[in-house]
Amino acid sequence: ARQLTRAGAGPVTALESAGSRANLAAVNADPAALGLAILSAADTSRTPNVRALLPIFRTCYHFAAASGLRIESFGDLNARRVGVGPEGGPDAALFAETARGALIFPVAVHDAPEALAEDIVDGRIDALWLGAPVPIPLFRDLAQAGEAAIRGVGAWEIARATSANPRLSPAILPAGLYPGQTGTLAVLAAWNVLVAHQDLPDSRATAILRAVFGGGDPARDIHPVAVETRAANAPQNRVIPFHPAALRFYREMGIAVR
């Protein structure tokens, strides 16, 4: 919001909300609203007026396995007690979907991530599944304390999940991202995008895009999480239709979007 306001694409005010679904509903109802939304929460049949403007960052889904247990892969979570976040939340829903695709039957345990991290230390659960920008602080702390090892998702499971759900994409986490992680990790990811109403004026939509991609460094100008806020990542959105001004903007840059 500060960057858009500074660059003359505002004024924009940041407001606290209940999350992506609430943001999508608000933008769908208000031509003046902007919103941050994760693609895994998008349902274009419920929010037909919403259009994408730009990619911001990825939420990466992977898990921490309690130390001392023989859990090396996603398939090893079969019959294990796995913390998956609050009941009805996006982390829990994606875990259930991925487990079904992988033909395994874990026992889902619901609670706030911080409480689940305590559960893994105390032995009440075997693993903790989370989605967030990486590195996830809870995972980093568990690994640093020697309480858990950080694991990715297998290639087979990723292929099944991404082919069944266009809201998801594969991602690779570099070695050394977490304490004790000596190799890369393959994970599932969902992009978070800035969305607007289809009736947002083209001139303002273009001003927003230029404010973000106008030659500065988003990781410096906006936030370190915005290291992936690049026009080249726009095609990662295969779910929400782009605003007409965004379509023109990317195509003029030689970036194929739809």
C-alpha atoms as a PDB file:
ATOM      1  CA  ALA A   1       0.000   0.000   0.000  1.00  0.00           C
ATOM      2  CA  ARG A   2       2.850   2.406   0.827  1.00  0.00           C
ATOM      3  CA  GLN A   3       4.613   1.666  -2.461  1.00  0.00           C
ATOM      4  CA  LEU A   4       1.484   2.226  -4.558  1.00  0.00           C
ATOM      5  CA  THR A   5       0.749   5.459  -2.736  1.00  0.00           C
ATOM      6  CA  ARG A   6       4.344   6.705  -3.101  1.00  0.00           C
ATOM      7  CA  ALA A   7       4.353   5.886  -6.807  1.00  0.00           C
ATOM      8  CA  GLY A   8       1.136   7.778  -7.519  1.00  0.00           C
ATOM      9  CA  ALA A   9      -1.109   4.726  -7.955  1.00  0.00           C
ATOM     10  CA  GLY A  10      -2.996   5.469  -4.761  1.00  0.00           C
ATOM     11  CA  PRO A  11      -3.865   6.513  -2.244  1.00  0.00           C
ATOM     12  CA  VAL A  12      -4.050   2.925  -0.987  1.00  0.00           C
ATOM     13  CA  THR A  13      -4.802   1.974   2.608  1.00  0.00           C
ATOM     14  CA  ALA A  14      -4.005  -1.460   4.051  1.00  0.00           C
ATOM     15  CA  LEU A  15      -6.860  -3.021   6.021  1.00  0.00           C
ATOM     16  CA  GLU A  16      -6.882  -6.122   8.209  1.00  0.00           C
ATOM     17  CA  SER A  17      -9.204  -8.836   6.935  1.00  0.00           C
ATOM     18  CA  ALA A  18     -10.228 -12.430   7.613  1.00  0.00           C
ATOM     19  CA  GLY A  19      -8.049 -13.733   4.779  1.00  0.00           C
ATOM     20  CA  SER A  20      -8.134 -14.538   1.090  1.00  0.00           C
ATOM     21  CA  ARG A  21     -11.759 -15.616   0.840  1.00  0.00           C
ATOM     22  CA  ALA A  22     -12.906 -12.425   2.546  1.00  0.00           C
ATOM     23  CA  ASN A  23     -10.641 -10.363   0.279  1.00  0.00           C
ATOM     24  CA  LEU A  24     -12.020 -11.998  -2.864  1.00  0.00           C
ATOM     25  CA  ALA A  25     -15.583 -11.358  -1.730  1.00  0.00           C
ATOM     26  CA  ALA A  26     -14.804  -7.716  -0.915  1.00  0.00           C
ATOM     27  CA  VAL A  27     -13.159  -7.078  -4.288  1.00  0.00           C
ATOM     28  CA  ASN A  28     -15.985  -8.851  -6.110  1.00  0.00           C
ATOM     29  CA  ALA A  29     -18.433  -6.381  -4.567  1.00  0.00           C
ATOM     30  CA  ASP A  30     -16.448  -3.133  -4.829  1.00  0.00           C
ATOM     31  CA  PRO A  31     -14.877  -1.693  -8.022  1.00  0.00           C
ATOM     32  CA  ALA A  32     -12.570   0.484  -5.894  1.00  0.00           C
ATOM     33  CA  ALA A  33     -11.154  -2.353  -3.776  1.00  0.00           C
ATOM     34  CA  LEU A  34      -7.876  -4.217  -4.123  1.00  0.00           C
ATOM     35  CA  GLY A  35      -7.099  -7.476  -2.359  1.00  0.00           C
ATOM     36  CA  LEU A  36      -4.414 -10.047  -1.657  1.00  0.00           C
ATOM     37  CA  ALA A  37      -5.583 -13.585  -2.410  1.00  0.00           C
ATOM     38  CA  ILE A  38      -3.977 -17.005  -2.516  1.00  0.00           C
ATOM     39  CA  LEU A  39      -4.919 -18.939  -5.642  1.00  0.00           C
ATOM     40  CA  SER A  40      -5.784 -22.042  -3.640  1.00  0.00           C
ATOM     41  CA  ALA A  41      -8.737 -20.090  -2.189  1.00  0.00           C
ATOM     42  CA  ALA A  42     -10.009 -18.770  -5.522  1.00  0.00           C
ATOM     43  CA  ASP A  43     -13.405 -19.830  -6.856  1.00  0.00           C
ATOM     44  CA  THR A  44     -14.225 -17.838  -9.958  1.00  0.00           C
ATOM     45  CA  SER A  45     -17.843 -19.056  -9.960  1.00  0.00           C
ATOM     46  CA  ARG A  46     -18.392 -17.280  -6.633  1.00  0.00           C
ATOM     47  CA  THR A  47     -16.419 -14.124  -7.488  1.00  0.00           C
ATOM     48  CA  PRO A  48     -17.014 -13.516 -11.205  1.00  0.00           C
ATOM     49  CA  ASN A  49     -16.029  -9.833 -11.022  1.00  0.00           C
ATOM     50  CA  VAL A  50     -12.511 -10.468  -9.675  1.00  0.00           C
ATOM     51  CA  ARG A  51      -9.510  -9.991 -11.970  1.00  0.00           C
ATOM     52  CA  ALA A  52      -5.806 -10.572 -11.336  1.00  0.00           C
ATOM     53  CA  LEU A  53      -3.259  -7.767 -11.547  1.00  0.00           C
ATOM     54  CA  LEU A  54       0.110  -9.171 -10.469  1.00  0.00           C
ATOM     55  CA  PRO A  55       1.870 -12.029  -8.656  1.00  0.00           C
ATOM     56  CA  ILE A  56       3.275 -11.236  -5.224  1.00  0.00           C
ATOM     57  CA  PHE A  57       4.717 -14.291  -3.457  1.00  0.00           C
ATOM     58  CA  ARG A  58       4.368 -18.055  -3.119  1.00  0.00           C
ATOM     59  CA  THR A  59       2.983 -19.944  -0.174  1.00  0.00           C
ATOM     60  CA  CYS A  60       4.982 -23.192   0.044  1.00  0.00           C
ATOM     61  CA  TYR A  61       3.444 -26.312   1.586  1.00  0.00           C
ATOM     62  CA  HIS A  62       5.714 -28.897   3.245  1.00  0.00           C
ATOM     63  CA  PHE A  63       6.021 -30.598   6.621  1.00  0.00           C
ATOM     64  CA  ALA A  64       8.148 -31.112   9.709  1.00  0.00           C
ATOM     65  CA  ALA A  65       8.603 -34.716  10.932  1.00  0.00           C
ATOM     66  CA  ALA A  66       9.303 -35.361  14.586  1.00  0.00           C
ATOM     67  CA  SER A  67      12.870 -36.407  15.285  1.00  0.00           C
ATOM     68  CA  GLY A  68      13.394 -40.095  15.985  1.00  0.00           C
ATOM     69  CA  LEU A  69      10.601 -41.251  13.672  1.00  0.00           C
ATOM     70  CA  ARG A  70      11.122 -42.974  10.340  1.00  0.00           C
ATOM     71  CA  ILE A  71       9.317 -40.337   8.289  1.00  0.00           C
ATOM     72  CA  GLU A  72      11.366 -39.577   5.206  1.00  0.00           C
ATOM     73  CA  SER A  73       8.655 -38.912   2.616  1.00  0.00           C
ATOM     74  CA  PHE A  74       5.068 -37.742   2.282  1.00  0.00           C
ATOM     75  CA  GLY A  75       3.963 -41.342   1.870  1.00  0.00           C
ATOM     76  CA  ASP A  76       5.401 -42.150   5.298  1.00  0.00           C
ATOM     77  CA  LEU A  77       2.643 -40.008   6.826  1.00  0.00           C
ATOM     78  CA  ASN A  78       0.171 -42.841   6.273  1.00  0.00           C
ATOM     79  CA  ALA A  79      -1.613 -43.592   9.586  1.00  0.00           C
ATOM     80  CA  ARG A  80       0.450 -40.894  11.331  1.00  0.00           C
ATOM     81  CA  ARG A  81      -1.012 -38.070  13.427  1.00  0.00           C
ATOM     82  CA  VAL A  82      -0.380 -34.905  11.434  1.00  0.00           C
ATOM     83  CA  GLY A  83      -1.088 -31.347  12.566  1.00  0.00           C
ATOM     84  CA  VAL A  84      -2.711 -29.463   9.699  1.00  0.00           C
ATOM     85  CA  GLY A  85      -3.785 -26.114  11.180  1.00  0.00           C
ATOM     86  CA  PRO A  86      -7.297 -24.934  12.090  1.00  0.00           C
ATOM     87  CA  GLU A  87     -10.231 -27.061  10.973  1.00  0.00           C
ATOM     88  CA  GLY A  88     -11.667 -25.770   7.707  1.00  0.00           C
ATOM     89  CA  GLY A  89      -8.543 -23.756   6.925  1.00  0.00           C
ATOM     90  CA  PRO A  90      -6.685 -23.802   3.602  1.00  0.00           C
ATOM     91  CA  ASP A  91      -3.739 -25.803   4.997  1.00  0.00           C
ATOM     92  CA  ALA A  92      -6.045 -28.541   6.256  1.00  0.00           C
ATOM     93  CA  ALA A  93      -8.002 -28.662   3.005  1.00  0.00           C
ATOM     94  CA  LEU A  94      -4.887 -28.907   0.861  1.00  0.00           C
ATOM     95  CA  PHE A  95      -3.381 -31.601   3.076  1.00  0.00           C
ATOM     96  CA  ALA A  96      -6.536 -33.705   2.819  1.00  0.00           C
ATOM     97  CA  GLU A  97      -6.581 -33.274  -0.967  1.00  0.00           C
ATOM     98  CA  THR A  98      -2.890 -34.188  -1.316  1.00  0.00           C
ATOM     99  CA  ALA A  99      -3.248 -37.215   0.966  1.00  0.00           C
ATOM    100  CA  ARG A 100      -6.186 -38.511  -1.069  1.00  0.00           C
ATOM    101  CA  GLY A 101      -4.177 -38.128  -4.256  1.00  0.00           C
ATOM    102  CA  ALA A 102      -1.246 -39.952  -2.664  1.00  0.00           C
ATOM    103  CA  LEU A 103      -3.552 -42.796  -1.529  1.00  0.00           C
ATOM    104  CA  ILE A 104      -2.561 -42.468   2.129  1.00  0.00           C
ATOM    105  CA  PHE A 105      -4.697 -42.110   5.249  1.00  0.00           C
ATOM    106  CA  PRO A 106      -3.123 -39.878   7.932  1.00  0.00           C
ATOM    107  CA  VAL A 107      -4.981 -38.748  11.050  1.00  0.00           C
ATOM    108  CA  ALA A 108      -5.483 -34.977  10.825  1.00  0.00           C
ATOM    109  CA  VAL A 109      -5.072 -32.984  14.037  1.00  0.00           C
ATOM    110  CA  HIS A 110      -6.500 -29.449  14.063  1.00  0.00           C
ATOM    111  CA  ASP A 111      -5.233 -26.495  16.072  1.00  0.00           C
ATOM    112  CA  ALA A 112      -3.299 -23.254  15.693  1.00  0.00           C
ATOM    113  CA  PRO A 113       0.194 -23.804  14.211  1.00  0.00           C
ATOM    114  CA  GLU A 114       1.929 -22.610  17.386  1.00  0.00           C
ATOM    115  CA  ALA A 115       0.020 -25.141  19.489  1.00  0.00           C
ATOM    116  CA  LEU A 116       0.760 -27.898  16.987  1.00  0.00           C
ATOM    117  CA  ALA A 117       4.472 -27.069  17.155  1.00  0.00           C
ATOM    118  CA  GLU A 118       4.294 -27.702  20.908  1.00  0.00           C
ATOM    119  CA  ASP A 119       2.458 -30.960  20.215  1.00  0.00           C
ATOM    120  CA  ILE A 120       5.259 -32.215  17.982  1.00  0.00           C
ATOM    121  CA  VAL A 121       7.816 -31.436  20.704  1.00  0.00           C
ATOM    122  CA  ASP A 122       5.718 -33.234  23.337  1.00  0.00           C
ATOM    123  CA  GLY A 123       5.092 -36.255  21.123  1.00  0.00           C
ATOM    124  CA  ARG A 124       1.344 -35.780  20.711  1.00  0.00           C
ATOM    125  CA  ILE A 125       1.651 -35.614  16.917  1.00  0.00           C
ATOM    126  CA  ASP A 126       4.145 -37.103  14.472  1.00  0.00           C
ATOM    127  CA  ALA A 127       4.350 -34.311  11.923  1.00  0.00           C
ATOM    128  CA  LEU A 128       3.236 -30.750  11.207  1.00  0.00           C
ATOM    129  CA  TRP A 129       2.029 -29.581   7.780  1.00  0.00           C
ATOM    130  CA  LEU A 130       2.051 -25.851   7.027  1.00  0.00           C
ATOM    131  CA  GLY A 131       1.910 -23.424   4.139  1.00  0.00           C
ATOM    132  CA  ALA A 132       3.639 -20.033   4.322  1.00  0.00           C
ATOM    133  CA  PRO A 133       6.395 -17.981   2.714  1.00  0.00           C
ATOM    134  CA  VAL A 134       9.691 -19.722   3.350  1.00  0.00           C
ATOM    135  CA  PRO A 135      11.532 -20.252   5.545  1.00  0.00           C
ATOM    136  CA  ILE A 136       8.625 -20.900   7.909  1.00  0.00           C
ATOM    137  CA  PRO A 137       9.761 -19.637  11.342  1.00  0.00           C
ATOM    138  CA  LEU A 138       8.080 -22.484  13.260  1.00  0.00           C
ATOM    139  CA  PHE A 139       9.854 -25.048  11.080  1.00  0.00           C
ATOM    140  CA  ARG A 140      13.164 -23.246  11.409  1.00  0.00           C
ATOM    141  CA  ASP A 141      12.845 -23.216  15.196  1.00  0.00           C
ATOM    142  CA  LEU A 142      11.891 -26.904  15.382  1.00  0.00           C
ATOM    143  CA  ALA A 143      14.816 -27.867  13.168  1.00  0.00           C
ATOM    144  CA  GLN A 144      17.243 -25.630  15.075  1.00  0.00           C
ATOM    145  CA  ALA A 145      16.211 -27.256  18.354  1.00  0.00           C
ATOM    146  CA  GLY A 146      16.623 -30.733  16.891  1.00  0.00           C
ATOM    147  CA  GLU A 147      12.946 -31.502  17.454  1.00  0.00           C
ATOM    148  CA  ALA A 148      12.055 -32.117  13.808  1.00  0.00           C
ATOM    149  CA  ALA A 149      13.425 -32.608  10.319  1.00  0.00           C
ATOM    150  CA  ILE A 150      11.919 -30.652   7.443  1.00  0.00           C
ATOM    151  CA  ARG A 151      10.566 -32.761   4.589  1.00  0.00           C
ATOM    152  CA  GLY A 152       9.236 -32.034   1.133  1.00  0.00           C
ATOM    153  CA  VAL A 153       6.583 -33.661  -1.041  1.00  0.00           C
ATOM    154  CA  GLY A 154       7.475 -36.433  -3.471  1.00  0.00           C
ATOM    155  CA  ALA A 155       7.555 -35.883  -7.233  1.00  0.00           C
ATOM    156  CA  TRP A 156       4.736 -38.364  -7.768  1.00  0.00           C
ATOM    157  CA  GLU A 157       2.494 -36.668  -5.216  1.00  0.00           C
ATOM    158  CA  ILE A 158       3.310 -33.226  -6.639  1.00  0.00           C
ATOM    159  CA  ALA A 159       2.515 -34.359 -10.183  1.00  0.00           C
ATOM    160  CA  ARG A 160      -0.856 -35.762  -9.104  1.00  0.00           C
ATOM    161  CA  ALA A 161      -1.733 -32.685  -7.037  1.00  0.00           C
ATOM    162  CA  THR A 162      -0.801 -30.083  -9.669  1.00  0.00           C
ATOM    163  CA  SER A 163      -2.484 -31.972 -12.520  1.00  0.00           C
ATOM    164  CA  ALA A 164      -5.701 -32.214 -10.508  1.00  0.00           C
ATOM    165  CA  ASN A 165      -5.598 -28.658  -9.154  1.00  0.00           C
ATOM    166  CA  PRO A 166      -4.451 -25.742 -11.362  1.00  0.00           C
ATOM    167  CA  ARG A 167      -4.293 -23.562  -8.259  1.00  0.00           C
ATOM    168  CA  LEU A 168      -1.106 -25.383  -7.277  1.00  0.00           C
ATOM    169  CA  SER A 169       2.378 -25.419  -8.769  1.00  0.00           C
ATOM    170  CA  PRO A 170       5.652 -27.217  -7.973  1.00  0.00           C
ATOM    171  CA  ALA A 171       8.494 -25.408  -6.232  1.00  0.00           C
ATOM    172  CA  ILE A 172      12.032 -26.252  -5.118  1.00  0.00           C
ATOM    173  CA  LEU A 173      13.465 -25.020  -1.823  1.00  0.00           C
ATOM    174  CA  PRO A 174      17.247 -24.564  -1.849  1.00  0.00           C
ATOM    175  CA  ALA A 175      19.540 -26.608   0.370  1.00  0.00           C
ATOM    176  CA  GLY A 176      20.354 -24.962   3.685  1.00  0.00           C
ATOM    177  CA  LEU A 177      17.071 -23.090   3.969  1.00  0.00           C
ATOM    178  CA  TYR A 178      16.464 -24.896   7.275  1.00  0.00           C
ATOM    179  CA  PRO A 179      18.988 -26.134   9.854  1.00  0.00           C
ATOM    180  CA  GLY A 180      20.104 -29.650   8.979  1.00  0.00           C
ATOM    181  CA  GLN A 181      18.641 -29.522   5.459  1.00  0.00           C
ATOM    182  CA  THR A 182      21.481 -30.700   3.232  1.00  0.00           C
ATOM    183  CA  GLY A 183      19.587 -31.135  -0.038  1.00  0.00           C
ATOM    184  CA  THR A 184      16.885 -29.342  -1.993  1.00  0.00           C
ATOM    185  CA  LEU A 185      13.237 -29.983  -1.157  1.00  0.00           C
ATOM    186  CA  ALA A 186      10.428 -30.377  -3.676  1.00  0.00           C
ATOM    187  CA  VAL A 187       7.240 -28.796  -2.327  1.00  0.00           C
ATOM    188  CA  LEU A 188       3.771 -27.716  -3.360  1.00  0.00           C
ATOM    189  CA  ALA A 189       3.149 -24.005  -3.823  1.00  0.00           C
ATOM    190  CA  ALA A 190       0.261 -21.622  -4.357  1.00  0.00           C
ATOM    191  CA  TRP A 191       0.794 -18.093  -5.565  1.00  0.00           C
ATOM    192  CA  ASN A 192      -0.634 -15.061  -3.815  1.00  0.00           C
ATOM    193  CA  VAL A 193      -1.789 -12.380  -6.244  1.00  0.00           C
ATOM    194  CA  LEU A 194      -3.085  -8.843  -6.112  1.00  0.00           C
ATOM    195  CA  VAL A 195      -6.658  -8.755  -7.393  1.00  0.00           C
ATOM    196  CA  ALA A 196      -9.042  -6.004  -8.432  1.00  0.00           C
ATOM    197  CA  HIS A 197     -12.602  -5.621  -9.696  1.00  0.00           C
ATOM    198  CA  GLN A 198     -13.120  -6.011 -13.435  1.00  0.00           C
ATOM    199  CA  ASP A 199     -14.423  -2.422 -13.516  1.00  0.00           C
ATOM    200  CA  LEU A 200     -11.243  -0.927 -12.049  1.00  0.00           C
ATOM    201  CA  PRO A 201     -10.306   1.760 -14.603  1.00  0.00           C
ATOM    202  CA  ASP A 202      -7.584   0.680 -17.009  1.00  0.00           C
ATOM    203  CA  SER A 203      -5.563   3.793 -16.167  1.00  0.00           C
ATOM    204  CA  ARG A 204      -5.420   2.909 -12.471  1.00  0.00           C
ATOM    205  CA  ALA A 205      -4.676  -0.759 -13.135  1.00  0.00           C
ATOM    206  CA  THR A 206      -1.772   0.267 -15.374  1.00  0.00           C
ATOM    207  CA  ALA A 207      -0.520   2.739 -12.761  1.00  0.00           C
ATOM    208  CA  ILE A 208      -0.476  -0.062 -10.164  1.00  0.00           C
ATOM    209  CA  LEU A 209       1.506  -2.353 -12.460  1.00  0.00           C
ATOM    210  CA  ARG A 210       4.005   0.385 -13.291  1.00  0.00           C
ATOM    211  CA  ALA A 211       4.380   1.267  -9.610  1.00  0.00           C
ATOM    212  CA  VAL A 212       5.450  -2.307  -8.845  1.00  0.00           C
ATOM    213  CA  PHE A 213       7.351  -3.224 -12.003  1.00  0.00           C
ATOM    214  CA  GLY A 214       8.660   0.180 -12.981  1.00  0.00           C
ATOM    215  CA  GLY A 215      12.331  -0.584 -12.511  1.00  0.00           C
ATOM    216  CA  GLY A 216      12.702  -0.731  -8.747  1.00  0.00           C
ATOM    217  CA  ASP A 217      13.389  -3.759  -6.580  1.00  0.00           C
ATOM    218  CA  PRO A 218      10.152  -5.006  -4.967  1.00  0.00           C
ATOM    219  CA  ALA A 219      12.092  -6.875  -2.259  1.00  0.00           C
ATOM    220  CA  ARG A 220      13.667  -3.553  -1.257  1.00  0.00           C
ATOM    221  CA  ASP A 221      10.824  -1.164  -2.007  1.00  0.00           C
ATOM    222  CA  ILE A 222       7.930  -3.247  -0.661  1.00  0.00           C
ATOM    223  CA  HIS A 223       9.011  -6.136   1.602  1.00  0.00           C
ATOM    224  CA  PRO A 224      11.617  -8.942   1.574  1.00  0.00           C
ATOM    225  CA  VAL A 225       8.814 -11.452   0.840  1.00  0.00           C
ATOM    226  CA  ALA A 226       8.347  -9.633  -2.479  1.00  0.00           C
ATOM    227  CA  VAL A 227      11.567 -11.124  -3.866  1.00  0.00           C
ATOM    228  CA  GLU A 228       9.300 -13.120  -6.233  1.00  0.00           C
ATOM    229  CA  THR A 229       7.153 -10.128  -7.183  1.00  0.00           C
ATOM    230  CA  ARG A 230       8.267 -10.176 -10.815  1.00  0.00           C
ATOM    231  CA  ALA A 231       6.331  -9.673 -14.035  1.00  0.00           C
ATOM    232  CA  ALA A 232       7.874 -12.903 -15.354  1.00  0.00           C
ATOM    233  CA  ASN A 233       5.892 -14.805 -12.703  1.00  0.00           C
ATOM    234  CA  ALA A 234       2.515 -13.581 -13.966  1.00  0.00           C
ATOM    235  CA  PRO A 235       1.888 -16.772 -16.026  1.00  0.00           C
ATOM    236  CA  GLN A 236       1.905 -18.735 -12.753  1.00  0.00           C
ATOM    237  CA  ASN A 237      -1.691 -17.536 -12.343  1.00  0.00           C
ATOM    238  CA  ARG A 238      -3.811 -20.039 -14.255  1.00  0.00           C
ATOM    239  CA  VAL A 239      -6.942 -19.520 -12.195  1.00  0.00           C
ATOM    240  CA  ILE A 240      -8.156 -15.909 -11.994  1.00  0.00           C
ATOM    241  CA  PRO A 241      -8.648 -14.055 -15.306  1.00  0.00           C
ATOM    242  CA  PHE A 242      -6.359 -11.075 -15.717  1.00  0.00           C
ATOM    243  CA  HIS A 243      -7.662  -7.512 -15.831  1.00  0.00           C
ATOM    244  CA  PRO A 244      -7.651  -6.241 -19.452  1.00  0.00           C
ATOM    245  CA  ALA A 245      -5.043  -3.617 -18.604  1.00  0.00           C
ATOM    246  CA  ALA A 246      -2.831  -6.317 -17.082  1.00  0.00           C
ATOM    247  CA  LEU A 247      -3.198  -8.482 -20.191  1.00  0.00           C
ATOM    248  CA  ARG A 248      -1.970  -5.594 -22.335  1.00  0.00           C
ATOM    249  CA  PHE A 249       0.821  -4.733 -19.900  1.00  0.00           C
ATOM    250  CA  TYR A 250       2.290  -8.239 -19.855  1.00  0.00           C
ATOM    251  CA  ARG A 251       1.870  -8.840 -23.570  1.00  0.00           C
ATOM    252  CA  GLU A 252       3.695  -5.596 -24.321  1.00  0.00           C
ATOM    253  CA  MET A 253       6.536  -7.021 -22.194  1.00  0.00           C
ATOM    254  CA  GLY A 254       6.493 -10.235 -24.218  1.00  0.00           C
ATOM    255  CA  ILE A 255       5.046 -12.260 -21.330  1.00  0.00           C
ATOM    256  CA  ALA A 256       2.343 -14.743 -22.321  1.00  0.00           C
ATOM    257  CA  VAL A 257      -0.630 -14.679 -19.949  1.00  0.00           C
ATOM    258  CA  ARG A 258      -4.295 -15.531 -20.339  1.00  0.00           C
END
